[in-house]
Amino acid sequence: MTAIQTKHQPHDSPFYRHLVPAYQIIWPAMAKRRMSAVISSLKLKPQTRVLEVGVGTGLSLHSYPSHIDLQGIDLSDSMLAEAHDLVRKEGWDHINLTAMDAENLNFDDDSFDVVTSFHTISVVSDPQRMMSEMVRVCRPGGMVLMINHFRSNNALIAGVVDRAGAVTRRLGWRTDLELDEVLREQPLRLEQRYKTNPFSLFTVAKATCQPDLAEA
């Protein structure tokens, strides 16, 4: 989960610097097990090039195998500092962390085999642009993987959550984002869309990147 972004500019306000301790205490109990299970399900092979967009404090980093090449990016200096400390503490030499805008990734086209993002796309200013950037840097036939809250197809549930939208937007994230909206017109084939348990607010989405190019 990364800090909310204004259009093409970093946003690292005192609010987010103060958020880091609470984030580290509360969020792991909510999200770490889900991230770990989903990353494990990828069965990443040695030398796989992985990009995580919105790495935050590094909550997911223990879940990746050490035989891959992992690049993590985030805009929040405060959260990224925590992730850097974790990488140094663990002595991980397969992980590189960089401050970067999720809507303007400074990587060449087709740079990664897998692109992941956890609880980030609903806190950027332009989710479609972030999605386009994730697809651009993913090689044809590679995978894009997201975990995020997306607006429910159940009208009753969606209505309840929508009423909380005014509050959540003030805290930095939106509740009305729809998965179909994010994926629209992207060269992706949605392979899986599921929840890790029936009561979860969060959806796992796995998609193949540029499948037509990969199959040509």
Protein backbone atom coordinates (compact mmCIF):
# COMPACT_ATOMS: atom_id res chain seq x y z
CA MET A 1 0.00 0.00 0.00
CA THR A 2 1.58 3.24 -1.12
CA ALA A 3 0.82 6.87 -0.40
CA ILE A 4 -1.80 8.56 -2.55
CA GLN A 5 -0.36 10.38 -5.52
CA THR A 6 -1.27 13.74 -7.00
CA LYS A 7 -1.04 13.88 -10.79
CA HIS A 8 2.50 12.82 -11.73
CA GLN A 9 3.96 14.11 -8.46
CA PRO A 10 5.07 12.36 -5.29
CA HIS A 11 3.02 12.87 -2.17
CA ASP A 12 4.78 12.25 1.10
CA SER A 13 2.89 14.37 3.60
CA PRO A 14 3.22 14.28 7.41
CA PHE A 15 0.01 12.24 7.40
CA TYR A 16 1.78 9.33 5.72
CA ARG A 17 4.92 9.67 7.80
CA HIS A 18 2.75 9.39 10.89
CA LEU A 19 0.82 6.51 9.34
CA VAL A 20 3.82 4.17 9.08
CA PRO A 21 3.81 2.87 12.71
CA ALA A 22 0.08 2.14 12.67
CA TYR A 23 0.41 0.61 9.21
CA GLN A 24 3.07 -1.78 10.48
CA ILE A 25 0.99 -2.84 13.49
CA ILE A 26 -2.49 -3.16 12.00
CA TRP A 27 -2.06 -3.93 8.32
CA PRO A 28 0.09 -7.12 8.63
CA ALA A 29 -2.71 -8.87 10.52
CA MET A 30 -5.11 -7.97 7.73
CA ALA A 31 -3.05 -8.51 4.60
CA LYS A 32 0.23 -10.41 5.05
CA ARG A 33 -1.20 -13.92 5.04
CA ARG A 34 -3.26 -13.16 1.92
CA MET A 35 -0.25 -11.74 0.07
CA SER A 36 1.91 -14.70 1.06
CA ALA A 37 -0.62 -17.26 -0.15
CA VAL A 38 -1.06 -15.52 -3.49
CA ILE A 39 2.67 -15.05 -4.11
CA SER A 40 3.31 -18.72 -3.23
CA SER A 41 0.67 -19.78 -5.74
CA LEU A 42 2.74 -18.21 -8.54
CA LYS A 43 5.47 -20.86 -8.11
CA LEU A 44 8.08 -18.42 -9.37
CA LYS A 45 10.99 -20.04 -11.18
CA PRO A 46 14.66 -19.12 -10.67
CA GLN A 47 15.76 -15.88 -12.33
CA THR A 48 12.19 -14.68 -12.82
CA ARG A 49 12.13 -10.88 -13.08
CA VAL A 50 9.42 -9.47 -10.80
CA LEU A 51 8.28 -5.91 -10.24
CA GLU A 52 6.12 -4.98 -7.25
CA VAL A 53 4.37 -1.64 -7.72
CA GLY A 54 3.65 0.01 -4.38
CA VAL A 55 5.93 -2.03 -2.14
CA GLY A 56 5.23 0.19 0.89
CA THR A 57 7.11 -0.87 4.02
CA GLY A 58 8.01 -4.23 2.47
CA LEU A 59 5.18 -6.25 3.96
CA SER A 60 5.23 -8.75 1.10
CA LEU A 61 8.99 -9.17 0.77
CA HIS A 62 9.35 -12.23 3.01
CA SER A 63 6.91 -14.06 0.74
CA TYR A 64 9.05 -13.94 -2.41
CA PRO A 65 11.60 -16.72 -3.00
CA SER A 66 15.26 -15.69 -2.92
CA HIS A 67 15.99 -17.21 -6.34
CA ILE A 68 14.18 -14.43 -8.25
CA ASP A 69 15.19 -10.89 -9.20
CA LEU A 70 12.76 -8.55 -7.43
CA GLN A 71 12.38 -4.82 -8.01
CA GLY A 72 10.10 -2.88 -5.67
CA ILE A 73 8.96 0.71 -6.19
CA ASP A 74 7.02 3.19 -4.07
CA LEU A 75 6.49 6.95 -3.82
CA SER A 76 6.38 7.29 -0.05
CA ASP A 77 9.88 8.00 1.28
CA SER A 78 8.78 7.11 4.81
CA MET A 79 7.42 3.70 3.88
CA LEU A 80 10.27 2.97 1.48
CA ALA A 81 12.78 3.71 4.25
CA GLU A 82 11.17 0.95 6.32
CA ALA A 83 11.44 -1.44 3.37
CA HIS A 84 15.13 -0.57 2.87
CA ASP A 85 15.79 -1.27 6.56
CA LEU A 86 14.11 -4.66 6.22
CA VAL A 87 16.17 -5.59 3.16
CA ARG A 88 19.40 -4.63 4.95
CA LYS A 89 18.41 -6.49 8.11
CA GLU A 90 17.61 -9.68 6.20
CA GLY A 91 20.65 -9.40 3.93
CA TRP A 92 18.57 -9.87 0.80
CA ASP A 93 20.65 -9.34 -2.32
CA HIS A 94 17.87 -10.36 -4.73
CA ILE A 95 15.76 -7.27 -3.93
CA ASN A 96 16.24 -3.73 -5.20
CA LEU A 97 14.03 -0.84 -4.03
CA THR A 98 13.55 2.46 -5.82
CA ALA A 99 11.45 5.59 -5.29
CA MET A 100 9.21 5.89 -8.33
CA ASP A 101 5.77 7.01 -9.49
CA ALA A 102 3.46 4.07 -10.24
CA GLU A 103 1.87 6.11 -13.03
CA ASN A 104 5.24 6.80 -14.70
CA LEU A 105 7.45 3.74 -14.37
CA ASN A 106 11.06 4.37 -15.33
CA PHE A 107 11.59 0.96 -16.92
CA ASP A 108 11.83 -0.16 -20.54
CA ASP A 109 8.97 -1.98 -22.22
CA ASP A 110 8.80 -5.74 -21.54
CA SER A 111 11.26 -5.55 -18.63
CA PHE A 112 9.57 -8.01 -16.26
CA ASP A 113 8.11 -11.51 -16.30
CA VAL A 114 5.67 -10.78 -13.47
CA VAL A 115 4.26 -7.47 -12.23
CA THR A 116 2.48 -7.45 -8.88
CA SER A 117 0.63 -4.78 -6.93
CA PHE A 118 -1.09 -5.11 -3.57
CA HIS A 119 -3.61 -2.56 -2.29
CA THR A 120 -2.15 0.25 -4.37
CA ILE A 121 -4.26 0.92 -7.46
CA SER A 122 -7.09 2.43 -5.43
CA VAL A 123 -4.80 5.10 -3.94
CA VAL A 124 -3.29 6.54 -7.12
CA SER A 125 -4.76 9.51 -8.96
CA ASP A 126 -5.16 7.66 -12.27
CA PRO A 127 -5.71 3.88 -11.88
CA GLN A 128 -5.98 3.31 -15.64
CA ARG A 129 -2.62 4.96 -16.23
CA MET A 130 -1.00 2.85 -13.51
CA MET A 131 -2.49 -0.28 -15.09
CA SER A 132 -1.20 0.76 -18.53
CA GLU A 133 2.28 1.21 -17.09
CA MET A 134 2.19 -2.21 -15.42
CA VAL A 135 1.20 -3.79 -18.73
CA ARG A 136 3.82 -1.84 -20.67
CA VAL A 137 6.73 -3.11 -18.56
CA CYS A 138 5.43 -6.71 -18.48
CA ARG A 139 6.69 -8.95 -21.27
CA PRO A 140 4.19 -10.59 -23.66
CA GLY A 141 2.94 -13.75 -21.98
CA GLY A 142 3.99 -12.51 -18.56
CA MET A 143 1.64 -12.12 -15.61
CA VAL A 144 0.04 -9.14 -13.92
CA LEU A 145 -1.18 -9.89 -10.40
CA MET A 146 -3.20 -7.58 -8.17
CA ILE A 147 -4.87 -7.76 -4.78
CA ASN A 148 -7.18 -4.86 -4.08
CA HIS A 149 -10.60 -3.80 -2.94
CA PHE A 150 -12.83 -3.45 -5.99
CA ARG A 151 -16.46 -2.39 -5.96
CA SER A 152 -18.71 -5.40 -5.36
CA ASN A 153 -21.08 -6.68 -8.05
CA ASN A 154 -23.57 -7.18 -5.22
CA ALA A 155 -25.66 -3.98 -5.16
CA LEU A 156 -26.37 -4.27 -1.43
CA ILE A 157 -22.72 -4.66 -0.47
CA ALA A 158 -21.65 -1.99 -2.94
CA GLY A 159 -24.17 0.45 -1.47
CA VAL A 160 -22.93 -0.06 2.07
CA VAL A 161 -19.29 0.37 1.06
CA ASP A 162 -20.06 3.36 -1.15
CA ARG A 163 -21.41 5.23 1.86
CA ALA A 164 -17.98 4.99 3.44
CA GLY A 165 -16.36 6.50 0.37
CA ALA A 166 -16.34 10.09 1.62
CA VAL A 167 -14.38 9.01 4.69
CA THR A 168 -11.94 6.70 2.92
CA ARG A 169 -11.12 9.31 0.29
CA ARG A 170 -10.02 11.69 3.06
CA LEU A 171 -7.74 8.94 4.35
CA GLY A 172 -6.25 8.42 0.90
CA TRP A 173 -8.06 5.60 -0.88
CA ARG A 174 -11.24 5.07 -2.85
CA THR A 175 -13.90 2.37 -2.54
CA ASP A 176 -15.69 2.77 -5.88
CA LEU A 177 -13.00 1.40 -8.20
CA GLU A 178 -14.26 -1.42 -10.44
CA LEU A 179 -11.97 -4.15 -11.72
CA ASP A 180 -13.59 -4.14 -15.17
CA GLU A 181 -12.95 -0.39 -15.37
CA VAL A 182 -9.27 -0.86 -14.55
CA LEU A 183 -8.80 -3.64 -17.11
CA ARG A 184 -10.84 -2.04 -19.89
CA GLU A 185 -8.95 -1.74 -23.19
CA GLN A 186 -5.80 -3.24 -21.70
CA PRO A 187 -4.02 -6.03 -23.65
CA LEU A 188 -4.71 -8.51 -20.86
CA ARG A 189 -6.51 -11.82 -20.56
CA LEU A 190 -8.04 -12.21 -17.10
CA GLU A 191 -7.17 -15.73 -15.96
CA GLN A 192 -8.49 -15.68 -12.39
CA ARG A 193 -10.65 -13.44 -10.26
CA TYR A 194 -11.35 -14.68 -6.75
CA LYS A 195 -11.41 -13.94 -3.03
CA THR A 196 -9.21 -15.86 -0.62
CA ASN A 197 -12.28 -16.35 1.58
CA PRO A 198 -15.98 -15.62 0.99
CA PHE A 199 -16.07 -12.76 3.49
CA SER A 200 -12.98 -10.93 2.25
CA LEU A 201 -13.32 -7.37 0.97
CA PHE A 202 -10.37 -7.95 -1.33
CA THR A 203 -10.18 -9.51 -4.78
CA VAL A 204 -7.23 -11.36 -6.32
CA ALA A 205 -6.89 -10.78 -10.06
CA LYS A 206 -4.39 -12.66 -12.25
CA ALA A 207 -4.04 -11.78 -15.94
CA THR A 208 -1.79 -12.71 -18.82
CA CYS A 209 -0.08 -9.72 -20.37
CA GLN A 210 -0.36 -9.13 -24.14
CA PRO A 211 -1.50 -12.72 -24.83
CA ASP A 212 -1.89 -12.18 -28.58
CA LEU A 213 1.78 -11.19 -28.95
CA ALA A 214 2.91 -14.15 -26.83
CA GLU A 215 0.88 -16.62 -28.88
CA ALA A 216 1.84 -15.23 -32.28
